[in-house]
């Protein structure tokens, strides 16, 4: 876990990590949220709607933005203030998503930073989708003393 102080952070700093989206994650997310939409739970239903299979919950994918701030940039001194996220393509169980964050702004007066984050499929069953950007986010993160 990173422990960057506000003074150590510079515009242009980058960090990231990869996550494999698993069936177990999908089940846990469903149990936690109660979201039983068949798009996320039923392969046949999802295929009927034109997808390769069950679609991962968008908010499950977005939940890794918390990991980006709380573990990587800035790490344990983070306090997420806002998140704007856009889902550009679906994610499926078995996909590996590379999350990459880059500091685009630093506000000295209020000690927060703006982090731009992308999520890109790096491994997947449908090889045509590998390299596809699935998520884009802008985060405002306070950096505690």
C-alpha atoms as a PDB file:
ATOM      1  CA  UNK A   1       0.000   0.000   0.000  1.00  0.00           C
ATOM      2  CA  UNK A   2       1.305   3.420  -0.927  1.00  0.00           C
ATOM      3  CA  UNK A   3       1.447   6.200   1.642  1.00  0.00           C
ATOM      4  CA  UNK A   4       2.051   9.281  -0.470  1.00  0.00           C
ATOM      5  CA  UNK A   5       1.774  12.628   1.261  1.00  0.00           C
ATOM      6  CA  UNK A   6       0.280  15.539  -0.648  1.00  0.00           C
ATOM      7  CA  UNK A   7       3.742  17.073  -1.110  1.00  0.00           C
ATOM      8  CA  UNK A   8       5.103  13.851  -2.652  1.00  0.00           C
ATOM      9  CA  UNK A   9       2.416  13.724  -5.342  1.00  0.00           C
ATOM     10  CA  UNK A  10       3.132  15.359  -8.687  1.00  0.00           C
ATOM     11  CA  UNK A  11       0.975  15.967 -11.742  1.00  0.00           C
ATOM     12  CA  UNK A  12       1.731  13.165 -14.181  1.00  0.00           C
ATOM     13  CA  UNK A  13       2.327  10.470 -11.541  1.00  0.00           C
ATOM     14  CA  UNK A  14       0.868   7.133 -12.594  1.00  0.00           C
ATOM     15  CA  UNK A  15       0.121   3.802 -11.000  1.00  0.00           C
ATOM     16  CA  UNK A  16      -2.119   0.847 -11.597  1.00  0.00           C
ATOM     17  CA  UNK A  17      -3.036  -2.772 -11.052  1.00  0.00           C
ATOM     18  CA  UNK A  18      -4.835  -5.645 -12.752  1.00  0.00           C
ATOM     19  CA  UNK A  19      -7.974  -7.446 -11.573  1.00  0.00           C
ATOM     20  CA  UNK A  20      -9.471 -10.704 -12.813  1.00  0.00           C
ATOM     21  CA  UNK A  21     -13.275 -10.485 -12.614  1.00  0.00           C
ATOM     22  CA  UNK A  22     -14.495 -13.816 -11.253  1.00  0.00           C
ATOM     23  CA  UNK A  23     -17.798 -15.629 -10.859  1.00  0.00           C
ATOM     24  CA  UNK A  24     -17.220 -15.509  -7.092  1.00  0.00           C
ATOM     25  CA  UNK A  25     -16.996 -11.704  -7.224  1.00  0.00           C
ATOM     26  CA  UNK A  26     -20.229 -11.604  -9.202  1.00  0.00           C
ATOM     27  CA  UNK A  27     -21.998 -13.805  -6.632  1.00  0.00           C
ATOM     28  CA  UNK A  28     -20.690 -11.783  -3.698  1.00  0.00           C
ATOM     29  CA  UNK A  29     -21.730  -8.515  -5.342  1.00  0.00           C
ATOM     30  CA  UNK A  30     -25.205  -9.939  -6.026  1.00  0.00           C
ATOM     31  CA  UNK A  31     -25.503 -11.087  -2.397  1.00  0.00           C
ATOM     32  CA  UNK A  32     -24.351  -7.715  -1.045  1.00  0.00           C
ATOM     33  CA  UNK A  33     -26.542  -5.545  -3.268  1.00  0.00           C
ATOM     34  CA  UNK A  34     -29.551  -7.718  -4.012  1.00  0.00           C
ATOM     35  CA  UNK A  35     -29.197  -6.949  -7.726  1.00  0.00           C
ATOM     36  CA  UNK A  36     -30.615 -10.093  -9.314  1.00  0.00           C
ATOM     37  CA  UNK A  37     -31.071  -8.646 -12.799  1.00  0.00           C
ATOM     38  CA  UNK A  38     -30.792 -11.674 -15.123  1.00  0.00           C
ATOM     39  CA  UNK A  39     -28.323  -9.788 -17.337  1.00  0.00           C
ATOM     40  CA  UNK A  40     -25.804 -10.450 -14.553  1.00  0.00           C
ATOM     41  CA  UNK A  41     -27.025 -13.875 -13.403  1.00  0.00           C
ATOM     42  CA  UNK A  42     -28.283 -15.812 -16.425  1.00  0.00           C
ATOM     43  CA  UNK A  43     -26.071 -16.626 -19.437  1.00  0.00           C
ATOM     44  CA  UNK A  44     -29.044 -17.540 -21.645  1.00  0.00           C
ATOM     45  CA  UNK A  45     -30.816 -14.244 -20.888  1.00  0.00           C
ATOM     46  CA  UNK A  46     -27.646 -12.212 -21.553  1.00  0.00           C
ATOM     47  CA  UNK A  47     -27.015 -14.036 -24.843  1.00  0.00           C
ATOM     48  CA  UNK A  48     -30.645 -13.440 -25.837  1.00  0.00           C
ATOM     49  CA  UNK A  49     -29.934  -9.720 -25.362  1.00  0.00           C
ATOM     50  CA  UNK A  50     -26.888  -9.875 -27.659  1.00  0.00           C
ATOM     51  CA  UNK A  51     -24.022 -10.315 -25.178  1.00  0.00           C
ATOM     52  CA  UNK A  52     -21.387 -13.077 -25.041  1.00  0.00           C
ATOM     53  CA  UNK A  53     -22.757 -14.195 -21.669  1.00  0.00           C
ATOM     54  CA  UNK A  54     -23.428 -12.771 -18.228  1.00  0.00           C
ATOM     55  CA  UNK A  55     -22.333  -9.157 -17.974  1.00  0.00           C
ATOM     56  CA  UNK A  56     -20.347  -8.124 -14.906  1.00  0.00           C
ATOM     57  CA  UNK A  57     -21.993  -5.493 -12.738  1.00  0.00           C
ATOM     58  CA  UNK A  58     -20.821  -2.040 -13.767  1.00  0.00           C
ATOM     59  CA  UNK A  59     -20.620  -0.992 -10.147  1.00  0.00           C
ATOM     60  CA  UNK A  60     -18.485  -4.048  -9.359  1.00  0.00           C
ATOM     61  CA  UNK A  61     -16.041  -2.844 -11.997  1.00  0.00           C
ATOM     62  CA  UNK A  62     -16.264   0.723 -10.668  1.00  0.00           C
ATOM     63  CA  UNK A  63     -15.656  -0.467  -7.098  1.00  0.00           C
ATOM     64  CA  UNK A  64     -12.016  -0.977  -8.022  1.00  0.00           C
ATOM     65  CA  UNK A  65     -11.712   2.797  -8.251  1.00  0.00           C
ATOM     66  CA  UNK A  66     -11.716   2.673  -4.450  1.00  0.00           C
ATOM     67  CA  UNK A  67      -8.698   0.362  -4.640  1.00  0.00           C
ATOM     68  CA  UNK A  68      -6.976   2.783  -6.999  1.00  0.00           C
ATOM     69  CA  UNK A  69      -7.309   5.657  -4.515  1.00  0.00           C
ATOM     70  CA  UNK A  70      -7.021   3.748  -1.248  1.00  0.00           C
ATOM     71  CA  UNK A  71      -4.083   1.527  -2.143  1.00  0.00           C
ATOM     72  CA  UNK A  72      -2.235   3.072  -5.106  1.00  0.00           C
ATOM     73  CA  UNK A  73      -2.722   6.815  -5.678  1.00  0.00           C
ATOM     74  CA  UNK A  74      -2.380   8.319  -3.129  1.00  0.00           C
ATOM     75  CA  UNK A  75      -2.845   5.228  -0.955  1.00  0.00           C
ATOM     76  CA  UNK A  76      -3.711   5.174   2.720  1.00  0.00           C
ATOM     77  CA  UNK A  77      -3.926   8.978   3.007  1.00  0.00           C
ATOM     78  CA  UNK A  78      -6.796   9.156   0.484  1.00  0.00           C
ATOM     79  CA  UNK A  79     -10.317  10.400   1.005  1.00  0.00           C
ATOM     80  CA  UNK A  80     -12.439  10.090  -2.130  1.00  0.00           C
ATOM     81  CA  UNK A  81     -14.566  13.197  -2.601  1.00  0.00           C
ATOM     82  CA  UNK A  82     -16.189  12.474  -5.961  1.00  0.00           C
ATOM     83  CA  UNK A  83     -16.149   9.995  -8.812  1.00  0.00           C
ATOM     84  CA  UNK A  84     -17.464  10.399 -12.329  1.00  0.00           C
ATOM     85  CA  UNK A  85     -17.421   7.123 -14.219  1.00  0.00           C
ATOM     86  CA  UNK A  86     -18.372   6.122 -17.744  1.00  0.00           C
ATOM     87  CA  UNK A  87     -18.783   2.527 -18.864  1.00  0.00           C
ATOM     88  CA  UNK A  88     -17.871   2.245 -22.532  1.00  0.00           C
ATOM     89  CA  UNK A  89     -18.060  -1.536 -23.052  1.00  0.00           C
ATOM     90  CA  UNK A  90     -19.292  -4.513 -21.038  1.00  0.00           C
ATOM     91  CA  UNK A  91     -17.067  -6.619 -18.796  1.00  0.00           C
ATOM     92  CA  UNK A  92     -17.548 -10.379 -18.480  1.00  0.00           C
ATOM     93  CA  UNK A  93     -16.523 -12.885 -15.804  1.00  0.00           C
ATOM     94  CA  UNK A  94     -13.059 -14.124 -16.725  1.00  0.00           C
ATOM     95  CA  UNK A  95     -11.919 -10.748 -18.059  1.00  0.00           C
ATOM     96  CA  UNK A  96      -8.746  -9.252 -16.630  1.00  0.00           C
ATOM     97  CA  UNK A  97      -9.002  -5.482 -16.347  1.00  0.00           C
ATOM     98  CA  UNK A  98      -5.949  -3.245 -16.160  1.00  0.00           C
ATOM     99  CA  UNK A  99      -6.752  -0.147 -14.108  1.00  0.00           C
ATOM    100  CA  UNK A 100      -4.380   2.774 -14.677  1.00  0.00           C
ATOM    101  CA  UNK A 101      -4.547   6.101 -12.882  1.00  0.00           C
ATOM    102  CA  UNK A 102      -2.737   9.354 -13.638  1.00  0.00           C
ATOM    103  CA  UNK A 103      -2.693  12.537 -11.574  1.00  0.00           C
ATOM    104  CA  UNK A 104      -3.985  15.281 -13.871  1.00  0.00           C
ATOM    105  CA  UNK A 105      -4.384  18.120 -11.361  1.00  0.00           C
ATOM    106  CA  UNK A 106      -3.240  19.043  -7.869  1.00  0.00           C
ATOM    107  CA  UNK A 107      -5.047  21.664  -5.786  1.00  0.00           C
ATOM    108  CA  UNK A 108      -2.683  23.092  -3.174  1.00  0.00           C
ATOM    109  CA  UNK A 109      -5.321  25.252  -1.464  1.00  0.00           C
ATOM    110  CA  UNK A 110      -7.656  22.373  -0.571  1.00  0.00           C
ATOM    111  CA  UNK A 111      -5.116  19.515  -0.760  1.00  0.00           C
ATOM    112  CA  UNK A 112      -6.910  17.353  -3.283  1.00  0.00           C
ATOM    113  CA  UNK A 113      -5.871  15.805  -6.530  1.00  0.00           C
ATOM    114  CA  UNK A 114      -7.709  14.871  -9.691  1.00  0.00           C
ATOM    115  CA  UNK A 115      -7.002  11.386 -10.918  1.00  0.00           C
ATOM    116  CA  UNK A 116      -7.957  10.155 -14.372  1.00  0.00           C
ATOM    117  CA  UNK A 117      -8.470   6.403 -14.487  1.00  0.00           C
ATOM    118  CA  UNK A 118      -8.978   3.952 -17.319  1.00  0.00           C
ATOM    119  CA  UNK A 119      -9.914   0.294 -17.245  1.00  0.00           C
ATOM    120  CA  UNK A 120      -8.826  -1.825 -20.203  1.00  0.00           C
ATOM    121  CA  UNK A 121      -9.399  -5.531 -20.882  1.00  0.00           C
ATOM    122  CA  UNK A 122      -6.009  -7.236 -21.095  1.00  0.00           C
ATOM    123  CA  UNK A 123      -7.116 -10.887 -21.035  1.00  0.00           C
ATOM    124  CA  UNK A 124     -10.461 -12.289 -22.157  1.00  0.00           C
ATOM    125  CA  UNK A 125     -12.130 -15.301 -23.737  1.00  0.00           C
ATOM    126  CA  UNK A 126     -13.265 -13.324 -26.788  1.00  0.00           C
ATOM    127  CA  UNK A 127      -9.837 -12.240 -28.075  1.00  0.00           C
ATOM    128  CA  UNK A 128     -11.425  -9.537 -30.260  1.00  0.00           C
ATOM    129  CA  UNK A 129     -12.262  -7.614 -27.075  1.00  0.00           C
ATOM    130  CA  UNK A 130      -8.748  -7.707 -25.621  1.00  0.00           C
ATOM    131  CA  UNK A 131      -7.353  -4.187 -25.546  1.00  0.00           C
ATOM    132  CA  UNK A 132     -10.847  -2.696 -25.286  1.00  0.00           C
ATOM    133  CA  UNK A 133     -11.313   0.234 -22.910  1.00  0.00           C
ATOM    134  CA  UNK A 134     -14.286  -0.589 -20.669  1.00  0.00           C
ATOM    135  CA  UNK A 135     -14.208   2.197 -18.089  1.00  0.00           C
ATOM    136  CA  UNK A 136     -13.132   5.812 -17.848  1.00  0.00           C
ATOM    137  CA  UNK A 137     -13.288   7.809 -14.623  1.00  0.00           C
ATOM    138  CA  UNK A 138     -12.303  11.106 -13.090  1.00  0.00           C
ATOM    139  CA  UNK A 139     -11.801  11.094  -9.334  1.00  0.00           C
ATOM    140  CA  UNK A 140     -11.339  13.958  -6.910  1.00  0.00           C
ATOM    141  CA  UNK A 141      -9.370  12.696  -3.956  1.00  0.00           C
ATOM    142  CA  UNK A 142      -8.451  14.529  -0.776  1.00  0.00           C
ATOM    143  CA  UNK A 143      -5.057  13.754   0.684  1.00  0.00           C
ATOM    144  CA  UNK A 144      -5.108  13.635   4.488  1.00  0.00           C
ATOM    145  CA  UNK A 145      -2.182  14.731   6.615  1.00  0.00           C
END
